[in-house]
Amino acid sequence: MRNSTPEGKKVQYQIQAFAKRLTKGLSKPKKKFISQMLFGIQAARDVKLSNVARSLQEGIKLIKTEDRWSRHMMSKDLTQKMNEQMVKEGSRHVKEDTVLAID
């Protein structure tokens, strides 16, 4: 995750802070994966794995990053724990008078 502009560093810091809250209870490799994915999606403005991986400009072959991420994405514990953290994060913003619109 290379970004040398002040704005880029600020965005990177904000994404890492959010990822840290979102990944409580996960292993260090899974935390790194989530942080990289969030940053990559934002940088690539795309969700296609190859484009997200390319946006990180890592010094390794693109296929290696894609393979590693594919293994992480198949992890069941990742989904459960992240869903729990997202509910905790979101519940802090829902008050008694909050309107929830579901489509």
N, C-alpha and C. Protein backbone atom coordinates (compact mmCIF):
# COMPACT_ATOMS: atom_id res chain seq x y z
N MET A 1 0.85 -1.18 0.00
CA MET A 1 0.00 0.00 0.00
C MET A 1 0.89 1.23 0.00
N ARG A 2 1.21 1.68 -1.18
CA ARG A 2 2.08 2.84 -1.32
C ARG A 2 1.25 4.06 -1.68
N ASN A 3 1.38 5.08 -0.88
CA ASN A 3 0.72 6.33 -1.20
C ASN A 3 1.46 7.43 -0.47
N SER A 4 2.12 8.31 -1.21
CA SER A 4 2.99 9.31 -0.60
C SER A 4 2.35 10.68 -0.46
N THR A 5 1.16 10.88 -1.02
CA THR A 5 0.53 12.19 -0.90
C THR A 5 -0.08 12.33 0.49
N PRO A 6 -0.15 13.55 1.01
CA PRO A 6 -0.75 13.73 2.33
C PRO A 6 -2.21 13.23 2.39
N GLU A 7 -2.95 13.47 1.32
CA GLU A 7 -4.34 13.01 1.29
C GLU A 7 -4.39 11.48 1.28
N GLY A 8 -3.49 10.87 0.51
CA GLY A 8 -3.44 9.42 0.44
C GLY A 8 -3.08 8.80 1.77
N LYS A 9 -2.14 9.39 2.47
CA LYS A 9 -1.75 8.89 3.79
C LYS A 9 -2.91 9.02 4.79
N LYS A 10 -3.65 10.11 4.68
CA LYS A 10 -4.78 10.32 5.58
C LYS A 10 -5.86 9.25 5.33
N VAL A 11 -6.16 9.00 4.07
CA VAL A 11 -7.15 7.98 3.72
C VAL A 11 -6.67 6.62 4.19
N GLN A 12 -5.39 6.33 3.96
CA GLN A 12 -4.83 5.05 4.36
C GLN A 12 -4.94 4.88 5.89
N TYR A 13 -4.64 5.92 6.64
CA TYR A 13 -4.75 5.87 8.10
C TYR A 13 -6.20 5.62 8.53
N GLN A 14 -7.14 6.31 7.91
CA GLN A 14 -8.55 6.14 8.25
C GLN A 14 -9.03 4.73 7.94
N ILE A 15 -8.60 4.19 6.82
CA ILE A 15 -8.98 2.82 6.46
C ILE A 15 -8.39 1.83 7.45
N GLN A 16 -7.13 2.03 7.82
CA GLN A 16 -6.50 1.13 8.78
C GLN A 16 -7.17 1.20 10.14
N ALA A 17 -7.58 2.38 10.57
CA ALA A 17 -8.27 2.53 11.84
C ALA A 17 -9.63 1.82 11.81
N PHE A 18 -10.35 1.98 10.71
CA PHE A 18 -11.64 1.29 10.56
C PHE A 18 -11.43 -0.22 10.52
N ALA A 19 -10.43 -0.67 9.77
CA ALA A 19 -10.14 -2.11 9.66
C ALA A 19 -9.77 -2.68 11.03
N LYS A 20 -9.05 -1.92 11.82
CA LYS A 20 -8.67 -2.39 13.16
C LYS A 20 -9.90 -2.64 14.02
N ARG A 21 -10.87 -1.73 13.95
CA ARG A 21 -12.11 -1.91 14.73
C ARG A 21 -12.92 -3.08 14.18
N LEU A 22 -12.93 -3.22 12.88
CA LEU A 22 -13.73 -4.23 12.20
C LEU A 22 -13.19 -5.64 12.39
N THR A 23 -11.90 -5.77 12.63
CA THR A 23 -11.27 -7.09 12.66
C THR A 23 -10.89 -7.57 14.05
N LYS A 24 -11.47 -7.00 15.08
CA LYS A 24 -11.18 -7.47 16.44
C LYS A 24 -11.50 -8.96 16.53
N GLY A 25 -10.56 -9.70 17.11
CA GLY A 25 -10.77 -11.13 17.28
C GLY A 25 -10.25 -11.98 16.13
N LEU A 26 -9.75 -11.34 15.08
CA LEU A 26 -9.20 -12.09 13.94
C LEU A 26 -7.68 -12.19 14.07
N SER A 27 -7.10 -13.13 13.35
CA SER A 27 -5.65 -13.30 13.36
C SER A 27 -4.97 -12.13 12.65
N LYS A 28 -3.68 -11.96 12.88
CA LYS A 28 -2.93 -10.87 12.26
C LYS A 28 -2.97 -10.94 10.73
N PRO A 29 -2.79 -12.14 10.11
CA PRO A 29 -2.88 -12.19 8.65
C PRO A 29 -4.25 -11.77 8.12
N LYS A 30 -5.32 -12.15 8.80
CA LYS A 30 -6.67 -11.77 8.36
C LYS A 30 -6.88 -10.28 8.53
N LYS A 31 -6.35 -9.70 9.59
CA LYS A 31 -6.45 -8.25 9.79
C LYS A 31 -5.75 -7.50 8.65
N LYS A 32 -4.56 -7.98 8.29
CA LYS A 32 -3.81 -7.36 7.19
C LYS A 32 -4.58 -7.49 5.88
N PHE A 33 -5.17 -8.66 5.66
CA PHE A 33 -5.95 -8.90 4.45
C PHE A 33 -7.10 -7.90 4.34
N ILE A 34 -7.87 -7.74 5.41
CA ILE A 34 -9.01 -6.82 5.40
C ILE A 34 -8.55 -5.39 5.15
N SER A 35 -7.50 -4.98 5.81
CA SER A 35 -6.97 -3.63 5.63
C SER A 35 -6.54 -3.41 4.18
N GLN A 36 -5.83 -4.38 3.61
CA GLN A 36 -5.40 -4.26 2.22
C GLN A 36 -6.58 -4.24 1.26
N MET A 37 -7.56 -5.08 1.51
CA MET A 37 -8.73 -5.12 0.63
C MET A 37 -9.49 -3.80 0.67
N LEU A 38 -9.72 -3.26 1.85
CA LEU A 38 -10.45 -1.99 1.96
C LEU A 38 -9.69 -0.88 1.24
N PHE A 39 -8.38 -0.82 1.47
CA PHE A 39 -7.58 0.21 0.80
C PHE A 39 -7.58 -0.02 -0.72
N GLY A 40 -7.41 -1.27 -1.13
CA GLY A 40 -7.35 -1.59 -2.55
C GLY A 40 -8.64 -1.29 -3.29
N ILE A 41 -9.76 -1.61 -2.67
CA ILE A 41 -11.07 -1.31 -3.29
C ILE A 41 -11.22 0.19 -3.47
N GLN A 42 -10.83 0.94 -2.46
CA GLN A 42 -10.92 2.39 -2.54
C GLN A 42 -9.98 2.92 -3.62
N ALA A 43 -8.76 2.40 -3.67
CA ALA A 43 -7.77 2.90 -4.63
C ALA A 43 -8.13 2.50 -6.06
N ALA A 44 -8.61 1.27 -6.25
CA ALA A 44 -8.93 0.78 -7.59
C ALA A 44 -10.29 1.25 -8.06
N ARG A 45 -11.14 1.64 -7.12
CA ARG A 45 -12.53 1.98 -7.43
C ARG A 45 -13.19 0.83 -8.18
N ASP A 46 -12.88 -0.37 -7.70
CA ASP A 46 -13.35 -1.60 -8.33
C ASP A 46 -13.30 -2.71 -7.29
N VAL A 47 -14.08 -3.75 -7.50
CA VAL A 47 -14.05 -4.88 -6.57
C VAL A 47 -13.48 -6.14 -7.22
N LYS A 48 -13.08 -6.06 -8.47
CA LYS A 48 -12.47 -7.21 -9.13
C LYS A 48 -11.11 -7.44 -8.48
N LEU A 49 -10.90 -8.68 -8.04
CA LEU A 49 -9.72 -9.02 -7.26
C LEU A 49 -8.41 -8.61 -7.93
N SER A 50 -8.27 -8.85 -9.22
CA SER A 50 -7.02 -8.50 -9.91
C SER A 50 -6.80 -6.98 -9.91
N ASN A 51 -7.85 -6.21 -10.09
CA ASN A 51 -7.70 -4.75 -10.08
C ASN A 51 -7.39 -4.22 -8.68
N VAL A 52 -8.01 -4.81 -7.69
CA VAL A 52 -7.75 -4.41 -6.30
C VAL A 52 -6.30 -4.72 -5.95
N ALA A 53 -5.85 -5.93 -6.28
CA ALA A 53 -4.47 -6.33 -5.99
C ALA A 53 -3.48 -5.45 -6.74
N ARG A 54 -3.77 -5.13 -7.97
CA ARG A 54 -2.89 -4.29 -8.79
C ARG A 54 -2.74 -2.90 -8.16
N SER A 55 -3.80 -2.39 -7.57
CA SER A 55 -3.76 -1.04 -7.00
C SER A 55 -2.81 -0.93 -5.81
N LEU A 56 -2.47 -2.06 -5.16
CA LEU A 56 -1.58 -2.01 -4.01
C LEU A 56 -0.12 -1.88 -4.41
N GLN A 57 0.20 -2.20 -5.65
CA GLN A 57 1.55 -2.09 -6.18
C GLN A 57 2.57 -2.81 -5.31
N GLU A 58 2.23 -4.05 -4.90
CA GLU A 58 3.16 -4.86 -4.12
C GLU A 58 4.31 -5.30 -5.03
N GLY A 59 5.41 -5.62 -4.45
CA GLY A 59 6.58 -6.03 -5.22
C GLY A 59 6.61 -7.51 -5.54
N ILE A 60 5.44 -8.16 -5.59
CA ILE A 60 5.37 -9.59 -5.90
C ILE A 60 4.44 -9.80 -7.08
N LYS A 61 4.46 -11.01 -7.62
CA LYS A 61 3.60 -11.31 -8.76
C LYS A 61 2.13 -11.16 -8.37
N LEU A 62 1.36 -10.61 -9.27
CA LEU A 62 -0.06 -10.36 -9.04
C LEU A 62 -0.81 -11.64 -8.68
N ILE A 63 -0.48 -12.74 -9.33
CA ILE A 63 -1.18 -14.00 -9.09
C ILE A 63 -0.97 -14.49 -7.66
N LYS A 64 0.18 -14.20 -7.07
CA LYS A 64 0.46 -14.61 -5.69
C LYS A 64 -0.48 -13.87 -4.72
N THR A 65 -0.66 -12.58 -4.94
CA THR A 65 -1.58 -11.80 -4.11
C THR A 65 -3.00 -12.30 -4.29
N GLU A 66 -3.40 -12.55 -5.53
CA GLU A 66 -4.76 -13.03 -5.80
C GLU A 66 -5.00 -14.39 -5.13
N ASP A 67 -4.04 -15.29 -5.20
CA ASP A 67 -4.18 -16.61 -4.58
C ASP A 67 -4.30 -16.49 -3.06
N ARG A 68 -3.44 -15.66 -2.46
CA ARG A 68 -3.47 -15.47 -1.01
C ARG A 68 -4.83 -14.90 -0.57
N TRP A 69 -5.29 -13.89 -1.28
CA TRP A 69 -6.57 -13.28 -0.94
C TRP A 69 -7.73 -14.23 -1.14
N SER A 70 -7.67 -15.05 -2.18
CA SER A 70 -8.74 -16.02 -2.43
C SER A 70 -8.86 -16.99 -1.26
N ARG A 71 -7.72 -17.42 -0.73
CA ARG A 71 -7.75 -18.31 0.45
C ARG A 71 -8.39 -17.61 1.64
N HIS A 72 -8.05 -16.35 1.84
CA HIS A 72 -8.63 -15.60 2.97
C HIS A 72 -10.15 -15.46 2.80
N MET A 73 -10.58 -15.21 1.59
CA MET A 73 -12.02 -14.98 1.34
C MET A 73 -12.87 -16.22 1.57
N MET A 74 -12.28 -17.39 1.48
CA MET A 74 -13.03 -18.62 1.69
C MET A 74 -13.17 -18.97 3.17
N SER A 75 -12.55 -18.21 4.02
CA SER A 75 -12.56 -18.49 5.46
C SER A 75 -13.92 -18.17 6.06
N LYS A 76 -14.52 -19.15 6.72
CA LYS A 76 -15.84 -18.96 7.32
C LYS A 76 -15.77 -18.09 8.57
N ASP A 77 -14.73 -18.25 9.37
CA ASP A 77 -14.63 -17.45 10.59
C ASP A 77 -14.51 -15.97 10.29
N LEU A 78 -13.98 -15.63 9.14
CA LEU A 78 -13.84 -14.24 8.73
C LEU A 78 -15.21 -13.57 8.62
N THR A 79 -16.14 -14.23 7.96
CA THR A 79 -17.47 -13.66 7.75
C THR A 79 -18.20 -13.47 9.07
N GLN A 80 -18.22 -14.49 9.90
CA GLN A 80 -18.96 -14.43 11.17
C GLN A 80 -18.44 -13.31 12.07
N LYS A 81 -17.15 -13.27 12.27
CA LYS A 81 -16.58 -12.28 13.19
C LYS A 81 -16.72 -10.86 12.65
N MET A 82 -16.56 -10.69 11.35
CA MET A 82 -16.71 -9.35 10.79
C MET A 82 -18.16 -8.89 10.86
N ASN A 83 -19.11 -9.79 10.63
CA ASN A 83 -20.53 -9.42 10.75
C ASN A 83 -20.83 -8.97 12.17
N GLU A 84 -20.30 -9.68 13.16
CA GLU A 84 -20.51 -9.30 14.55
C GLU A 84 -19.95 -7.91 14.83
N GLN A 85 -18.75 -7.64 14.34
CA GLN A 85 -18.14 -6.33 14.56
C GLN A 85 -18.90 -5.22 13.83
N MET A 86 -19.40 -5.50 12.62
CA MET A 86 -20.16 -4.48 11.89
C MET A 86 -21.46 -4.15 12.63
N VAL A 87 -22.09 -5.15 13.20
CA VAL A 87 -23.32 -4.91 13.97
C VAL A 87 -23.00 -4.07 15.20
N LYS A 88 -21.90 -4.38 15.88
CA LYS A 88 -21.50 -3.58 17.04
C LYS A 88 -21.21 -2.13 16.65
N GLU A 89 -20.47 -1.95 15.55
CA GLU A 89 -20.15 -0.60 15.07
C GLU A 89 -21.42 0.17 14.71
N GLY A 90 -22.29 -0.47 13.97
CA GLY A 90 -23.52 0.19 13.53
C GLY A 90 -24.49 0.46 14.66
N SER A 91 -24.54 -0.43 15.65
CA SER A 91 -25.51 -0.27 16.74
C SER A 91 -25.24 0.97 17.57
N ARG A 92 -24.01 1.43 17.59
CA ARG A 92 -23.69 2.66 18.34
C ARG A 92 -24.35 3.89 17.73
N HIS A 93 -24.69 3.80 16.46
CA HIS A 93 -25.26 4.95 15.75
C HIS A 93 -26.78 4.89 15.67
N VAL A 94 -27.37 3.80 16.12
CA VAL A 94 -28.83 3.65 16.07
C VAL A 94 -29.40 4.04 17.42
N LYS A 95 -30.24 5.04 17.41
CA LYS A 95 -30.87 5.53 18.64
C LYS A 95 -32.36 5.19 18.58
N GLU A 96 -33.08 5.51 19.61
CA GLU A 96 -34.50 5.20 19.68
C GLU A 96 -35.30 5.89 18.57
N ASP A 97 -34.87 7.09 18.17
CA ASP A 97 -35.60 7.82 17.14
C ASP A 97 -35.00 7.66 15.73
N THR A 98 -34.05 6.72 15.56
CA THR A 98 -33.43 6.49 14.26
C THR A 98 -34.40 5.75 13.34
N VAL A 99 -34.49 6.24 12.12
CA VAL A 99 -35.34 5.60 11.12
C VAL A 99 -34.48 4.61 10.32
N LEU A 100 -34.90 3.37 10.25
CA LEU A 100 -34.21 2.37 9.46
C LEU A 100 -35.09 2.04 8.26
N ALA A 101 -34.60 2.31 7.08
CA ALA A 101 -35.34 2.01 5.85
C ALA A 101 -34.71 0.82 5.18
N ILE A 102 -35.48 -0.23 4.99
CA ILE A 102 -34.97 -1.45 4.38
C ILE A 102 -35.66 -1.67 3.05
N ASP A 103 -34.86 -1.88 2.03
CA ASP A 103 -35.39 -2.08 0.68
C ASP A 103 -35.28 -3.55 0.33
